[in-house]
Every structure is written in C-alpha cells, then in structure tokens.
C-alpha cells in the first residue's frame, strides 16, 4: 500500500512538472485558436488582421504556430485554404535554409 502511494505521488509530480513546462496563458491560447480558425476557413483578411493586432509577424506564424499538431502551412494545405497558402508561402520559403558543399565532385 505504501509503495503504491509513493508511486502515485511520483507520477503526479512528474506530470505536474510536464504540465508546467507546456503551460500556455489563456490570452495566447485564444490568439492561436483564432489564427487556426482563420486559416481553416481560408479567411486571409481576418488572419492578417489577427496577426497584426497581436504583433505576430507572418514569418513567426509560419515557423512557430502549430494547429492540430501540424505546422501552420501544412494545416492550411490540408484544409484547402488556398488564399492563406498563397499569402504565407513566401515566408515559408524564407524560413528554409540549405547548405551545399561547393568542393564536392
């Protein structure tokens, strides 16, 4: 009985630590939900307005926002949000870095 109690206490402390690392304030969560909703409905004007009001750049949105476990651009493509994809695609291309070896034969 005592061992089970200690095990349960250890599990609760580990899960509490994990939850503390991933805490998102409610205001930020509301903004992220709004960004994902605007993306899913292919409403690029509302998306641009939401990003501007919350001082979030398009590049930051492309590289850091995750909707339903997918990156923002992947989520937009899977939702067939063609207007949003067209608006954000230049920022997706800027985020990629490639390294090539110039000396290789």
PDB file of N, CA and C in Angstrom:
ATOM      1  N   UNK A   1       0.830  -1.191   0.000  1.00  0.00           N
ATOM      2  CA  UNK A   1       0.000   0.000   0.000  1.00  0.00           C
ATOM      3  C   UNK A   1       0.868   1.245   0.000  1.00  0.00           C
ATOM      4  N   UNK A   2       1.907   1.221   0.856  1.00  0.00           N
ATOM      5  CA  UNK A   2       2.792   2.373   0.952  1.00  0.00           C
ATOM      6  C   UNK A   2       3.554   2.567  -0.360  1.00  0.00           C
ATOM      7  N   UNK A   3       3.946   1.473  -1.024  1.00  0.00           N
ATOM      8  CA  UNK A   3       4.665   1.550  -2.299  1.00  0.00           C
ATOM      9  C   UNK A   3       3.768   2.137  -3.385  1.00  0.00           C
ATOM     10  N   UNK A   4       2.516   1.729  -3.396  1.00  0.00           N
ATOM     11  CA  UNK A   4       1.576   2.259  -4.383  1.00  0.00           C
ATOM     12  C   UNK A   4       1.371   3.754  -4.188  1.00  0.00           C
ATOM     13  N   UNK A   5       1.312   4.184  -2.944  1.00  0.00           N
ATOM     14  CA  UNK A   5       1.147   5.614  -2.661  1.00  0.00           C
ATOM     15  C   UNK A   5       2.355   6.413  -3.134  1.00  0.00           C
ATOM     16  N   UNK A   6       3.555   5.899  -2.877  1.00  0.00           N
ATOM     17  CA  UNK A   6       4.779   6.583  -3.316  1.00  0.00           C
ATOM     18  C   UNK A   6       4.866   6.638  -4.837  1.00  0.00           C
ATOM     19  N   UNK A   7       4.462   5.544  -5.496  1.00  0.00           N
ATOM     20  CA  UNK A   7       4.475   5.524  -6.950  1.00  0.00           C
ATOM     21  C   UNK A   7       3.497   6.553  -7.517  1.00  0.00           C
ATOM     22  N   UNK A   8       2.307   6.630  -6.938  1.00  0.00           N
ATOM     23  CA  UNK A   8       1.305   7.603  -7.384  1.00  0.00           C
ATOM     24  C   UNK A   8       1.795   9.028  -7.162  1.00  0.00           C
ATOM     25  N   UNK A   9       2.448   9.278  -6.052  1.00  0.00           N
ATOM     26  CA  UNK A   9       2.986  10.608  -5.774  1.00  0.00           C
ATOM     27  C   UNK A   9       4.073  10.972  -6.778  1.00  0.00           C
ATOM     28  N   UNK A  10       4.914   9.998  -7.135  1.00  0.00           N
ATOM     29  CA  UNK A  10       5.972  10.252  -8.113  1.00  0.00           C
ATOM     30  C   UNK A  10       5.392  10.556  -9.482  1.00  0.00           C
ATOM     31  N   UNK A  11       4.367   9.815  -9.881  1.00  0.00           N
ATOM     32  CA  UNK A  11       3.721  10.052 -11.182  1.00  0.00           C
ATOM     33  C   UNK A  11       3.076  11.426 -11.210  1.00  0.00           C
ATOM     34  N   UNK A  12       2.407  11.797 -10.138  1.00  0.00           N
ATOM     35  CA  UNK A  12       1.766  13.117 -10.085  1.00  0.00           C
ATOM     36  C   UNK A  12       2.790  14.237 -10.136  1.00  0.00           C
ATOM     37  N   UNK A  13       3.915  14.077  -9.478  1.00  0.00           N
ATOM     38  CA  UNK A  13       4.920  15.144  -9.505  1.00  0.00           C
ATOM     39  C   UNK A  13       5.546  15.261 -10.885  1.00  0.00           C
ATOM     40  N   UNK A  14       5.770  14.145 -11.580  1.00  0.00           N
ATOM     41  CA  UNK A  14       6.328  14.197 -12.939  1.00  0.00           C
ATOM     42  C   UNK A  14       5.324  14.825 -13.892  1.00  0.00           C
ATOM     43  N   UNK A  15       4.042  14.454 -13.791  1.00  0.00           N
ATOM     44  CA  UNK A  15       3.039  15.026 -14.694  1.00  0.00           C
ATOM     45  C   UNK A  15       2.831  16.510 -14.397  1.00  0.00           C
ATOM     46  N   UNK A  16       2.930  16.915 -13.148  1.00  0.00           N
ATOM     47  CA  UNK A  16       2.790  18.336 -12.817  1.00  0.00           C
ATOM     48  C   UNK A  16       3.956  19.130 -13.392  1.00  0.00           C
ATOM     49  N   UNK A  17       5.152  18.564 -13.363  1.00  0.00           N
ATOM     50  CA  UNK A  17       6.314  19.231 -13.945  1.00  0.00           C
ATOM     51  C   UNK A  17       6.168  19.337 -15.450  1.00  0.00           C
ATOM     52  N   UNK A  18       5.686  18.277 -16.091  1.00  0.00           N
ATOM     53  CA  UNK A  18       5.496  18.313 -17.541  1.00  0.00           C
ATOM     54  C   UNK A  18       4.426  19.332 -17.928  1.00  0.00           C
ATOM     55  N   UNK A  19       3.385  19.421 -17.138  1.00  0.00           N
ATOM     56  CA  UNK A  19       2.329  20.393 -17.434  1.00  0.00           C
ATOM     57  C   UNK A  19       2.833  21.816 -17.224  1.00  0.00           C
ATOM     58  N   UNK A  20       3.701  22.031 -16.280  1.00  0.00           N
ATOM     59  CA  UNK A  20       4.230  23.367 -16.027  1.00  0.00           C
ATOM     60  C   UNK A  20       5.103  23.832 -17.179  1.00  0.00           C
ATOM     61  N   UNK A  21       5.796  22.902 -17.841  1.00  0.00           N
ATOM     62  CA  UNK A  21       6.648  23.257 -18.966  1.00  0.00           C
ATOM     63  C   UNK A  21       5.841  23.649 -20.202  1.00  0.00           C
ATOM     64  N   UNK A  22       4.623  23.143 -20.350  1.00  0.00           N
ATOM     65  CA  UNK A  22       3.829  23.401 -21.543  1.00  0.00           C
ATOM     66  C   UNK A  22       2.664  24.338 -21.281  1.00  0.00           C
ATOM     67  N   UNK A  23       2.685  25.078 -20.203  1.00  0.00           N
ATOM     68  CA  UNK A  23       1.593  25.993 -19.879  1.00  0.00           C
ATOM     69  C   UNK A  23       1.547  27.134 -20.887  1.00  0.00           C
ATOM     70  N   UNK A  24       0.359  27.385 -21.411  1.00  0.00           N
ATOM     71  CA  UNK A  24       0.142  28.493 -22.335  1.00  0.00           C
ATOM     72  C   UNK A  24      -0.896  29.407 -21.702  1.00  0.00           C
ATOM     73  N   UNK A  25      -0.576  30.687 -21.550  1.00  0.00           N
ATOM     74  CA  UNK A  25      -1.552  31.609 -20.968  1.00  0.00           C
ATOM     75  C   UNK A  25      -2.835  31.650 -21.802  1.00  0.00           C
ATOM     76  N   UNK A  26      -3.981  31.877 -21.174  1.00  0.00           N
ATOM     77  CA  UNK A  26      -5.254  31.870 -21.901  1.00  0.00           C
ATOM     78  C   UNK A  26      -5.322  32.896 -23.035  1.00  0.00           C
ATOM     79  N   UNK A  27      -4.700  34.057 -22.861  1.00  0.00           N
ATOM     80  CA  UNK A  27      -4.734  35.072 -23.908  1.00  0.00           C
ATOM     81  C   UNK A  27      -3.993  34.588 -25.154  1.00  0.00           C
ATOM     82  N   UNK A  28      -2.860  33.957 -24.957  1.00  0.00           N
ATOM     83  CA  UNK A  28      -2.079  33.445 -26.076  1.00  0.00           C
ATOM     84  C   UNK A  28      -2.820  32.293 -26.745  1.00  0.00           C
ATOM     85  N   UNK A  29      -3.443  31.465 -25.946  1.00  0.00           N
ATOM     86  CA  UNK A  29      -4.192  30.344 -26.489  1.00  0.00           C
ATOM     87  C   UNK A  29      -5.361  30.841 -27.339  1.00  0.00           C
ATOM     88  N   UNK A  30      -6.032  31.910 -26.909  1.00  0.00           N
ATOM     89  CA  UNK A  30      -7.130  32.477 -27.689  1.00  0.00           C
ATOM     90  C   UNK A  30      -6.643  32.992 -29.038  1.00  0.00           C
ATOM     91  N   UNK A  31      -5.479  33.620 -29.049  1.00  0.00           N
ATOM     92  CA  UNK A  31      -4.909  34.131 -30.305  1.00  0.00           C
ATOM     93  C   UNK A  31      -4.568  32.970 -31.235  1.00  0.00           C
ATOM     94  N   UNK A  32      -3.974  31.915 -30.688  1.00  0.00           N
ATOM     95  CA  UNK A  32      -3.621  30.766 -31.515  1.00  0.00           C
ATOM     96  C   UNK A  32      -4.852  30.082 -32.090  1.00  0.00           C
ATOM     97  N   UNK A  33      -5.902  29.981 -31.303  1.00  0.00           N
ATOM     98  CA  UNK A  33      -7.149  29.391 -31.790  1.00  0.00           C
ATOM     99  C   UNK A  33      -7.726  30.249 -32.902  1.00  0.00           C
ATOM    100  N   UNK A  34      -7.658  31.565 -32.753  1.00  0.00           N
ATOM    101  CA  UNK A  34      -8.174  32.467 -33.780  1.00  0.00           C
ATOM    102  C   UNK A  34      -7.359  32.352 -35.071  1.00  0.00           C
ATOM    103  N   UNK A  35      -6.039  32.249 -34.949  1.00  0.00           N
ATOM    104  CA  UNK A  35      -5.184  32.080 -36.127  1.00  0.00           C
ATOM    105  C   UNK A  35      -5.529  30.770 -36.841  1.00  0.00           C
ATOM    106  N   UNK A  36      -5.676  29.701 -36.089  1.00  0.00           N
ATOM    107  CA  UNK A  36      -6.008  28.412 -36.691  1.00  0.00           C
ATOM    108  C   UNK A  36      -7.404  28.419 -37.317  1.00  0.00           C
ATOM    109  N   UNK A  37      -8.353  29.077 -36.674  1.00  0.00           N
ATOM    110  CA  UNK A  37      -9.709  29.161 -37.216  1.00  0.00           C
ATOM    111  C   UNK A  37      -9.737  29.957 -38.516  1.00  0.00           C
ATOM    112  N   UNK A  38      -9.026  31.081 -38.529  1.00  0.00           N
ATOM    113  CA  UNK A  38      -8.965  31.886 -39.748  1.00  0.00           C
ATOM    114  C   UNK A  38      -8.275  31.122 -40.874  1.00  0.00           C
ATOM    115  N   UNK A  39      -7.286  30.341 -40.537  1.00  0.00           N
ATOM    116  CA  UNK A  39      -6.596  29.544 -41.545  1.00  0.00           C
ATOM    117  C   UNK A  39      -7.503  28.464 -42.090  1.00  0.00           C
ATOM    118  N   UNK A  40      -8.219  27.791 -41.213  1.00  0.00           N
ATOM    119  CA  UNK A  40      -9.075  26.696 -41.646  1.00  0.00           C
ATOM    120  C   UNK A  40     -10.219  27.183 -42.539  1.00  0.00           C
ATOM    121  N   UNK A  41     -10.752  28.377 -42.262  1.00  0.00           N
ATOM    122  CA  UNK A  41     -11.849  28.914 -43.074  1.00  0.00           C
ATOM    123  C   UNK A  41     -11.348  29.659 -44.299  1.00  0.00           C
ATOM    124  N   UNK A  42     -10.034  29.696 -44.501  1.00  0.00           N
ATOM    125  CA  UNK A  42      -9.402  30.358 -45.643  1.00  0.00           C
ATOM    126  C   UNK A  42      -9.739  31.842 -45.696  1.00  0.00           C
ATOM    127  N   UNK A  43      -9.745  32.478 -44.532  1.00  0.00           N
ATOM    128  CA  UNK A  43     -10.046  33.900 -44.413  1.00  0.00           C
ATOM    129  C   UNK A  43      -8.743  34.660 -44.196  1.00  0.00           C
ATOM    130  N   UNK A  44      -8.087  35.008 -45.295  1.00  0.00           N
ATOM    131  CA  UNK A  44      -6.768  35.633 -45.187  1.00  0.00           C
ATOM    132  C   UNK A  44      -6.828  37.037 -44.631  1.00  0.00           C
ATOM    133  N   UNK A  45      -7.925  37.763 -44.864  1.00  0.00           N
ATOM    134  CA  UNK A  45      -8.038  39.123 -44.335  1.00  0.00           C
ATOM    135  C   UNK A  45      -8.149  39.114 -42.809  1.00  0.00           C
ATOM    136  N   UNK A  46      -8.966  38.217 -42.279  1.00  0.00           N
ATOM    137  CA  UNK A  46      -9.078  38.107 -40.824  1.00  0.00           C
ATOM    138  C   UNK A  46      -7.781  37.583 -40.213  1.00  0.00           C
ATOM    139  N   UNK A  47      -7.112  36.690 -40.910  1.00  0.00           N
ATOM    140  CA  UNK A  47      -5.832  36.181 -40.427  1.00  0.00           C
ATOM    141  C   UNK A  47      -4.809  37.304 -40.369  1.00  0.00           C
ATOM    142  N   UNK A  48      -4.740  38.106 -41.415  1.00  0.00           N
ATOM    143  CA  UNK A  48      -3.805  39.235 -41.432  1.00  0.00           C
ATOM    144  C   UNK A  48      -4.128  40.216 -40.306  1.00  0.00           C
ATOM    145  N   UNK A  49      -5.418  40.473 -40.078  1.00  0.00           N
ATOM    146  CA  UNK A  49      -5.838  41.382 -39.014  1.00  0.00           C
ATOM    147  C   UNK A  49      -5.463  40.821 -37.639  1.00  0.00           C
ATOM    148  N   UNK A  50      -5.678  39.535 -37.426  1.00  0.00           N
ATOM    149  CA  UNK A  50      -5.339  38.897 -36.155  1.00  0.00           C
ATOM    150  C   UNK A  50      -3.837  38.953 -35.900  1.00  0.00           C
ATOM    151  N   UNK A  51      -3.052  38.657 -36.928  1.00  0.00           N
ATOM    152  CA  UNK A  51      -1.600  38.703 -36.770  1.00  0.00           C
ATOM    153  C   UNK A  51      -1.140  40.124 -36.460  1.00  0.00           C
ATOM    154  N   UNK A  52      -1.699  41.100 -37.157  1.00  0.00           N
ATOM    155  CA  UNK A  52      -1.304  42.496 -36.951  1.00  0.00           C
ATOM    156  C   UNK A  52      -1.696  42.987 -35.553  1.00  0.00           C
ATOM    157  N   UNK A  53      -2.913  42.676 -35.111  1.00  0.00           N
ATOM    158  CA  UNK A  53      -3.382  43.125 -33.800  1.00  0.00           C
ATOM    159  C   UNK A  53      -2.546  42.542 -32.663  1.00  0.00           C
ATOM    160  N   UNK A  54      -2.027  41.359 -32.859  1.00  0.00           N
ATOM    161  CA  UNK A  54      -1.269  40.699 -31.805  1.00  0.00           C
ATOM    162  C   UNK A  54       0.236  40.776 -32.027  1.00  0.00           C
ATOM    163  N   UNK A  55       0.644  41.634 -32.949  1.00  0.00           N
ATOM    164  CA  UNK A  55       2.062  41.876 -33.244  1.00  0.00           C
ATOM    165  C   UNK A  55       2.819  40.582 -33.517  1.00  0.00           C
ATOM    166  N   UNK A  56       2.222  39.750 -34.326  1.00  0.00           N
ATOM    167  CA  UNK A  56       2.824  38.485 -34.718  1.00  0.00           C
ATOM    168  C   UNK A  56       3.135  38.567 -36.204  1.00  0.00           C
ATOM    169  N   UNK A  57       4.395  38.414 -36.556  1.00  0.00           N
ATOM    170  CA  UNK A  57       4.773  38.516 -37.968  1.00  0.00           C
ATOM    171  C   UNK A  57       4.333  37.257 -38.712  1.00  0.00           C
ATOM    172  N   UNK A  58       4.234  37.399 -40.027  1.00  0.00           N
ATOM    173  CA  UNK A  58       3.851  36.249 -40.841  1.00  0.00           C
ATOM    174  C   UNK A  58       4.927  35.176 -40.787  1.00  0.00           C
ATOM    175  N   UNK A  59       6.187  35.603 -40.737  1.00  0.00           N
ATOM    176  CA  UNK A  59       7.281  34.646 -40.661  1.00  0.00           C
ATOM    177  C   UNK A  59       7.222  33.858 -39.354  1.00  0.00           C
ATOM    178  N   UNK A  60       6.952  34.557 -38.253  1.00  0.00           N
ATOM    179  CA  UNK A  60       6.840  33.876 -36.961  1.00  0.00           C
ATOM    180  C   UNK A  60       5.652  32.925 -36.953  1.00  0.00           C
ATOM    181  N   UNK A  61       4.551  33.333 -37.572  1.00  0.00           N
ATOM    182  CA  UNK A  61       3.381  32.463 -37.639  1.00  0.00           C
ATOM    183  C   UNK A  61       3.693  31.196 -38.427  1.00  0.00           C
ATOM    184  N   UNK A  62       4.380  31.356 -39.543  1.00  0.00           N
ATOM    185  CA  UNK A  62       4.714  30.198 -40.380  1.00  0.00           C
ATOM    186  C   UNK A  62       5.663  29.250 -39.660  1.00  0.00           C
ATOM    187  N   UNK A  63       6.635  29.795 -38.951  1.00  0.00           N
ATOM    188  CA  UNK A  63       7.648  28.928 -38.339  1.00  0.00           C
ATOM    189  C   UNK A  63       7.267  28.391 -36.973  1.00  0.00           C
ATOM    190  N   UNK A  64       6.358  29.073 -36.252  1.00  0.00           N
ATOM    191  CA  UNK A  64       6.131  28.691 -34.859  1.00  0.00           C
ATOM    192  C   UNK A  64       4.711  28.256 -34.511  1.00  0.00           C
ATOM    193  N   UNK A  65       3.711  28.612 -35.281  1.00  0.00           N
ATOM    194  CA  UNK A  65       2.330  28.266 -34.932  1.00  0.00           C
ATOM    195  C   UNK A  65       2.039  26.837 -35.379  1.00  0.00           C
ATOM    196  N   UNK A  66       1.412  26.088 -34.475  1.00  0.00           N
ATOM    197  CA  UNK A  66       1.035  24.702 -34.742  1.00  0.00           C
ATOM    198  C   UNK A  66      -0.469  24.566 -34.531  1.00  0.00           C
ATOM    199  N   UNK A  67      -1.147  24.014 -35.521  1.00  0.00           N
ATOM    200  CA  UNK A  67      -2.595  23.793 -35.448  1.00  0.00           C
ATOM    201  C   UNK A  67      -2.869  22.301 -35.597  1.00  0.00           C
ATOM    202  N   UNK A  68      -3.533  21.730 -34.635  1.00  0.00           N
ATOM    203  CA  UNK A  68      -3.861  20.294 -34.633  1.00  0.00           C
ATOM    204  C   UNK A  68      -2.633  19.423 -34.865  1.00  0.00           C
ATOM    205  N   UNK A  69      -1.516  19.804 -34.297  1.00  0.00           N
ATOM    206  CA  UNK A  69      -0.305  19.013 -34.406  1.00  0.00           C
ATOM    207  C   UNK A  69       0.451  19.194 -35.707  1.00  0.00           C
ATOM    208  N   UNK A  70       0.003  20.094 -36.558  1.00  0.00           N
ATOM    209  CA  UNK A  70       0.665  20.352 -37.838  1.00  0.00           C
ATOM    210  C   UNK A  70       1.190  21.777 -37.864  1.00  0.00           C
ATOM    211  N   UNK A  71       2.258  21.987 -38.617  1.00  0.00           N
ATOM    212  CA  UNK A  71       2.732  23.345 -38.832  1.00  0.00           C
ATOM    213  C   UNK A  71       1.640  24.129 -39.560  1.00  0.00           C
ATOM    214  N   UNK A  72       1.643  25.444 -39.409  1.00  0.00           N
ATOM    215  CA  UNK A  72       0.568  26.280 -39.953  1.00  0.00           C
ATOM    216  C   UNK A  72       0.377  26.063 -41.448  1.00  0.00           C
ATOM    217  N   UNK A  73       1.466  26.012 -42.205  1.00  0.00           N
ATOM    218  CA  UNK A  73       1.340  25.829 -43.656  1.00  0.00           C
ATOM    219  C   UNK A  73       0.806  24.438 -44.009  1.00  0.00           C
ATOM    220  N   UNK A  74       1.237  23.421 -43.316  1.00  0.00           N
ATOM    221  CA  UNK A  74       0.717  22.073 -43.554  1.00  0.00           C
ATOM    222  C   UNK A  74      -0.768  22.005 -43.209  1.00  0.00           C
ATOM    223  N   UNK A  75      -1.151  22.667 -42.123  1.00  0.00           N
ATOM    224  CA  UNK A  75      -2.557  22.718 -41.722  1.00  0.00           C
ATOM    225  C   UNK A  75      -3.387  23.446 -42.774  1.00  0.00           C
ATOM    226  N   UNK A  76      -2.854  24.547 -43.306  1.00  0.00           N
ATOM    227  CA  UNK A  76      -3.574  25.298 -44.339  1.00  0.00           C
ATOM    228  C   UNK A  76      -3.734  24.454 -45.602  1.00  0.00           C
ATOM    229  N   UNK A  77      -2.703  23.738 -45.969  1.00  0.00           N
ATOM    230  CA  UNK A  77      -2.798  22.883 -47.161  1.00  0.00           C
ATOM    231  C   UNK A  77      -3.788  21.744 -46.958  1.00  0.00           C
ATOM    232  N   UNK A  78      -3.793  21.148 -45.784  1.00  0.00           N
ATOM    233  CA  UNK A  78      -4.728  20.047 -45.528  1.00  0.00           C
ATOM    234  C   UNK A  78      -6.169  20.545 -45.419  1.00  0.00           C
ATOM    235  N   UNK A  79      -6.346  21.838 -45.109  1.00  0.00           N
ATOM    236  CA  UNK A  79      -7.679  22.428 -45.029  1.00  0.00           C
ATOM    237  C   UNK A  79      -8.112  23.050 -46.354  1.00  0.00           C
ATOM    238  N   UNK A  80      -7.278  22.921 -47.376  1.00  0.00           N
ATOM    239  CA  UNK A  80      -7.544  23.525 -48.689  1.00  0.00           C
ATOM    240  C   UNK A  80      -7.752  25.021 -48.597  1.00  0.00           C
ATOM    241  N   UNK A  81      -6.953  25.677 -47.790  1.00  0.00           N
ATOM    242  CA  UNK A  81      -7.015  27.132 -47.616  1.00  0.00           C
ATOM    243  C   UNK A  81      -6.041  27.771 -48.601  1.00  0.00           C
ATOM    244  N   UNK A  82      -6.437  27.823 -49.864  1.00  0.00           N
ATOM    245  CA  UNK A  82      -5.542  28.259 -50.928  1.00  0.00           C
ATOM    246  C   UNK A  82      -5.142  29.725 -50.807  1.00  0.00           C
ATOM    247  N   UNK A  83      -6.043  30.579 -50.358  1.00  0.00           N
ATOM    248  CA  UNK A  83      -5.719  32.007 -50.209  1.00  0.00           C
ATOM    249  C   UNK A  83      -4.679  32.218 -49.115  1.00  0.00           C
ATOM    250  N   UNK A  84      -4.830  31.504 -48.021  1.00  0.00           N
ATOM    251  CA  UNK A  84      -3.876  31.620 -46.913  1.00  0.00           C
ATOM    252  C   UNK A  84      -2.524  31.049 -47.327  1.00  0.00           C
ATOM    253  N   UNK A  85      -2.518  29.935 -48.037  1.00  0.00           N
ATOM    254  CA  UNK A  85      -1.269  29.345 -48.511  1.00  0.00           C
ATOM    255  C   UNK A  85      -0.554  30.309 -49.447  1.00  0.00           C
ATOM    256  N   UNK A  86      -1.309  30.944 -50.356  1.00  0.00           N
ATOM    257  CA  UNK A  86      -0.704  31.906 -51.280  1.00  0.00           C
ATOM    258  C   UNK A  86      -0.128  33.111 -50.529  1.00  0.00           C
ATOM    259  N   UNK A  87      -0.806  33.549 -49.468  1.00  0.00           N
ATOM    260  CA  UNK A  87      -0.338  34.697 -48.701  1.00  0.00           C
ATOM    261  C   UNK A  87       0.927  34.370 -47.897  1.00  0.00           C
ATOM    262  N   UNK A  88       1.002  33.166 -47.336  1.00  0.00           N
ATOM    263  CA  UNK A  88       2.098  32.822 -46.435  1.00  0.00           C
ATOM    264  C   UNK A  88       3.245  32.059 -47.089  1.00  0.00           C
ATOM    265  N   UNK A  89       3.090  31.603 -48.315  1.00  0.00           N
ATOM    266  CA  UNK A  89       4.138  30.790 -48.944  1.00  0.00           C
ATOM    267  C   UNK A  89       5.473  31.515 -49.109  1.00  0.00           C
ATOM    268  N   UNK A  90       5.526  32.825 -49.390  1.00  0.00           N
ATOM    269  CA  UNK A  90       6.848  33.470 -49.445  1.00  0.00           C
ATOM    270  C   UNK A  90       7.604  33.409 -48.115  1.00  0.00           C
ATOM    271  N   UNK A  91       6.886  33.423 -47.020  1.00  0.00           N
ATOM    272  CA  UNK A  91       7.518  33.377 -45.698  1.00  0.00           C
ATOM    273  C   UNK A  91       7.965  31.971 -45.347  1.00  0.00           C
ATOM    274  N   UNK A  92       7.305  30.976 -45.919  1.00  0.00           N
ATOM    275  CA  UNK A  92       7.728  29.594 -45.705  1.00  0.00           C
ATOM    276  C   UNK A  92       9.041  29.338 -46.426  1.00  0.00           C
ATOM    277  N   UNK A  93       9.206  29.896 -47.594  1.00  0.00           N
ATOM    278  CA  UNK A  93      10.427  29.688 -48.366  1.00  0.00           C
ATOM    279  C   UNK A  93      11.606  30.404 -47.729  1.00  0.00           C
ATOM    280  N   UNK A  94      11.369  31.525 -47.075  1.00  0.00           N
ATOM    281  CA  UNK A  94      12.442  32.251 -46.400  1.00  0.00           C
ATOM    282  C   UNK A  94      12.935  31.498 -45.171  1.00  0.00           C
ATOM    283  N   UNK A  95      12.068  30.726 -44.562  1.00  0.00           N
ATOM    284  CA  UNK A  95      12.414  30.046 -43.315  1.00  0.00           C
ATOM    285  C   UNK A  95      13.335  28.853 -43.544  1.00  0.00           C
ATOM    286  N   UNK A  96      13.389  28.356 -44.768  1.00  0.00           N
ATOM    287  CA  UNK A  96      14.213  27.185 -45.045  1.00  0.00           C
ATOM    288  C   UNK A  96      15.650  27.600 -45.320  1.00  0.00           C
ATOM    289  N   UNK A  97      16.561  26.830 -44.800  1.00  0.00           N
ATOM    290  CA  UNK A  97      17.981  27.070 -45.004  1.00  0.00           C
ATOM    291  C   UNK A  97      18.575  25.822 -45.628  1.00  0.00           C
ATOM    292  N   UNK A  98      19.364  26.012 -46.672  1.00  0.00           N
ATOM    293  CA  UNK A  98      20.023  24.860 -47.284  1.00  0.00           C
ATOM    294  C   UNK A  98      21.523  25.105 -47.300  1.00  0.00           C
ATOM    295  N   UNK A  99      22.271  24.051 -47.088  1.00  0.00           N
ATOM    296  CA  UNK A  99      23.726  24.109 -47.088  1.00  0.00           C
ATOM    297  C   UNK A  99      24.216  23.153 -48.156  1.00  0.00           C
ATOM    298  N   UNK A 100      25.031  23.660 -49.038  1.00  0.00           N
ATOM    299  CA  UNK A 100      25.560  22.792 -50.078  1.00  0.00           C
ATOM    300  C   UNK A 100      27.086  22.850 -50.065  1.00  0.00           C
ATOM    301  N   UNK A 101      27.685  21.763 -50.417  1.00  0.00           N
ATOM    302  CA  UNK A 101      29.133  21.660 -50.447  1.00  0.00           C
ATOM    303  C   UNK A 101      29.615  22.055 -51.844  1.00  0.00           C
ATOM    304  N   UNK A 102      30.384  23.112 -51.923  1.00  0.00           N
ATOM    305  CA  UNK A 102      30.851  23.606 -53.217  1.00  0.00           C
ATOM    306  C   UNK A 102      32.082  22.859 -53.724  1.00  0.00           C
ATOM    307  N   UNK A 103      32.788  22.175 -52.853  1.00  0.00           N
ATOM    308  CA  UNK A 103      34.016  21.499 -53.233  1.00  0.00           C
ATOM    309  C   UNK A 103      33.749  20.063 -53.677  1.00  0.00           C
ATOM    310  N   UNK A 104      32.620  19.528 -53.363  1.00  0.00           N
ATOM    311  CA  UNK A 104      32.310  18.133 -53.666  1.00  0.00           C
ATOM    312  C   UNK A 104      32.318  17.912 -55.171  1.00  0.00           C
ATOM    313  N   UNK A 105      32.802  16.736 -55.630  1.00  0.00           N
ATOM    314  CA  UNK A 105      32.873  16.481 -57.075  1.00  0.00           C
ATOM    315  C   UNK A 105      31.529  16.273 -57.700  1.00  0.00           C
TER     316      UNK A 105
END
